N, C-alpha and C. Protein backbone atom coordinates (compact mmCIF):
# COMPACT_ATOMS: atom_id res chain seq x y z
N MET A 1 -0.76 6.20 14.38
CA MET A 1 -1.62 6.15 13.22
C MET A 1 -0.79 6.17 11.93
N ILE A 2 0.24 7.00 11.90
CA ILE A 2 1.07 7.09 10.70
C ILE A 2 1.85 5.79 10.49
N ASN A 3 2.33 5.18 11.59
CA ASN A 3 3.04 3.90 11.46
C ASN A 3 2.12 2.84 10.89
N LEU A 4 0.84 2.91 11.25
CA LEU A 4 -0.13 1.97 10.71
C LEU A 4 -0.28 2.16 9.21
N LEU A 5 -0.27 3.40 8.74
CA LEU A 5 -0.36 3.66 7.30
C LEU A 5 0.85 3.09 6.57
N TRP A 6 2.02 3.27 7.15
CA TRP A 6 3.23 2.71 6.52
C TRP A 6 3.18 1.19 6.50
N ALA A 7 2.67 0.60 7.57
CA ALA A 7 2.55 -0.86 7.62
C ALA A 7 1.56 -1.36 6.56
N LEU A 8 0.43 -0.67 6.45
CA LEU A 8 -0.55 -1.06 5.43
C LEU A 8 0.03 -0.89 4.02
N ALA A 9 0.76 0.19 3.81
CA ALA A 9 1.37 0.41 2.50
C ALA A 9 2.34 -0.72 2.18
N ALA A 10 3.13 -1.13 3.14
CA ALA A 10 4.09 -2.21 2.92
C ALA A 10 3.38 -3.53 2.62
N VAL A 11 2.33 -3.81 3.37
CA VAL A 11 1.58 -5.06 3.16
C VAL A 11 0.94 -5.05 1.78
N PHE A 12 0.33 -3.93 1.41
CA PHE A 12 -0.31 -3.85 0.10
C PHE A 12 0.70 -3.99 -1.02
N LEU A 13 1.86 -3.39 -0.85
CA LEU A 13 2.90 -3.48 -1.87
C LEU A 13 3.40 -4.92 -2.02
N VAL A 14 3.59 -5.61 -0.91
CA VAL A 14 4.04 -7.01 -0.96
C VAL A 14 2.98 -7.88 -1.63
N LEU A 15 1.70 -7.66 -1.29
CA LEU A 15 0.63 -8.43 -1.92
C LEU A 15 0.56 -8.17 -3.42
N TRP A 16 0.80 -6.92 -3.81
CA TRP A 16 0.79 -6.58 -5.23
C TRP A 16 1.92 -7.28 -5.97
N VAL A 17 3.11 -7.26 -5.39
CA VAL A 17 4.25 -7.93 -6.03
C VAL A 17 4.00 -9.43 -6.12
N LEU A 18 3.45 -10.02 -5.07
CA LEU A 18 3.13 -11.45 -5.11
C LEU A 18 2.10 -11.74 -6.18
N GLY A 19 1.13 -10.89 -6.30
CA GLY A 19 0.09 -11.09 -7.30
C GLY A 19 0.62 -11.05 -8.71
N ILE A 20 1.55 -10.15 -8.97
CA ILE A 20 2.13 -10.07 -10.31
C ILE A 20 3.05 -11.26 -10.56
N SER A 21 3.84 -11.62 -9.57
CA SER A 21 4.80 -12.71 -9.78
C SER A 21 4.12 -14.07 -9.89
N MET A 22 2.99 -14.25 -9.25
CA MET A 22 2.29 -15.54 -9.30
C MET A 22 1.17 -15.57 -10.34
N ASN A 23 0.93 -14.41 -10.99
CA ASN A 23 -0.07 -14.32 -12.05
C ASN A 23 -1.44 -14.78 -11.57
N PHE A 24 -1.91 -14.17 -10.49
CA PHE A 24 -3.24 -14.49 -9.97
C PHE A 24 -4.31 -14.02 -10.94
N THR A 25 -5.48 -14.64 -10.85
CA THR A 25 -6.60 -14.21 -11.67
C THR A 25 -7.32 -13.02 -11.03
N VAL A 26 -6.99 -12.69 -9.81
CA VAL A 26 -7.60 -11.54 -9.13
C VAL A 26 -6.67 -10.33 -9.25
N GLY A 27 -6.11 -10.15 -10.44
CA GLY A 27 -5.17 -9.07 -10.68
C GLY A 27 -5.77 -7.70 -10.41
N GLY A 28 -7.07 -7.54 -10.69
CA GLY A 28 -7.73 -6.27 -10.42
C GLY A 28 -7.69 -5.92 -8.95
N LEU A 29 -7.90 -6.91 -8.09
CA LEU A 29 -7.87 -6.68 -6.64
C LEU A 29 -6.47 -6.29 -6.19
N ILE A 30 -5.47 -6.92 -6.75
CA ILE A 30 -4.09 -6.61 -6.38
C ILE A 30 -3.76 -5.18 -6.77
N HIS A 31 -4.23 -4.73 -7.92
CA HIS A 31 -3.95 -3.37 -8.34
C HIS A 31 -4.70 -2.36 -7.47
N VAL A 32 -5.89 -2.73 -7.00
CA VAL A 32 -6.61 -1.87 -6.06
C VAL A 32 -5.81 -1.74 -4.77
N LEU A 33 -5.20 -2.83 -4.32
CA LEU A 33 -4.38 -2.78 -3.12
C LEU A 33 -3.17 -1.87 -3.33
N LEU A 34 -2.59 -1.90 -4.52
CA LEU A 34 -1.48 -1.01 -4.82
C LEU A 34 -1.92 0.45 -4.76
N VAL A 35 -3.07 0.74 -5.31
CA VAL A 35 -3.59 2.11 -5.27
C VAL A 35 -3.82 2.54 -3.82
N LEU A 36 -4.36 1.66 -3.00
CA LEU A 36 -4.56 1.99 -1.58
C LEU A 36 -3.23 2.25 -0.88
N ALA A 37 -2.21 1.49 -1.22
CA ALA A 37 -0.89 1.71 -0.62
C ALA A 37 -0.34 3.07 -1.03
N ILE A 38 -0.49 3.43 -2.28
CA ILE A 38 0.01 4.73 -2.75
C ILE A 38 -0.76 5.86 -2.08
N ILE A 39 -2.07 5.71 -1.95
CA ILE A 39 -2.88 6.73 -1.31
C ILE A 39 -2.47 6.91 0.15
N SER A 40 -2.22 5.81 0.84
CA SER A 40 -1.85 5.93 2.25
C SER A 40 -0.49 6.62 2.41
N VAL A 41 0.45 6.36 1.50
CA VAL A 41 1.74 7.04 1.55
C VAL A 41 1.58 8.52 1.23
N LEU A 42 0.74 8.83 0.25
CA LEU A 42 0.49 10.24 -0.09
C LEU A 42 -0.16 10.99 1.07
N VAL A 43 -1.08 10.34 1.76
CA VAL A 43 -1.70 10.97 2.93
C VAL A 43 -0.64 11.26 3.97
N ARG A 44 0.28 10.35 4.15
CA ARG A 44 1.37 10.54 5.12
C ARG A 44 2.24 11.73 4.72
N LEU A 45 2.55 11.82 3.44
CA LEU A 45 3.41 12.90 2.97
C LEU A 45 2.69 14.25 2.99
N ILE A 46 1.43 14.25 2.66
CA ILE A 46 0.67 15.51 2.62
C ILE A 46 0.44 16.06 4.01
N THR A 47 0.11 15.19 4.97
CA THR A 47 -0.14 15.67 6.32
C THR A 47 1.13 16.20 6.97
N GLY A 48 2.27 15.59 6.65
CA GLY A 48 3.55 16.08 7.14
C GLY A 48 3.75 15.93 8.64
N ARG A 49 2.96 15.12 9.28
CA ARG A 49 3.13 14.91 10.72
C ARG A 49 4.37 14.07 10.97
N ARG A 50 5.06 14.41 12.03
CA ARG A 50 6.25 13.65 12.40
C ARG A 50 6.03 12.97 13.74
N VAL A 51 6.41 11.70 13.80
CA VAL A 51 6.29 10.95 15.03
C VAL A 51 7.53 11.22 15.87
N VAL A 52 7.34 11.60 17.11
CA VAL A 52 8.46 11.96 17.98
C VAL A 52 8.86 10.77 18.80
């Protein structure tokens, strides 16, 4: 589950960077994706679970 959060965070971050670099008109959506990526990383850090 935690690996999935990291994967989603990475995908959202890449989409956000692409959105800024290509100057999409759906900039609001890209920023929402960035917020979701940050939230998923924070959830990972707050829970503190370690994958063995």
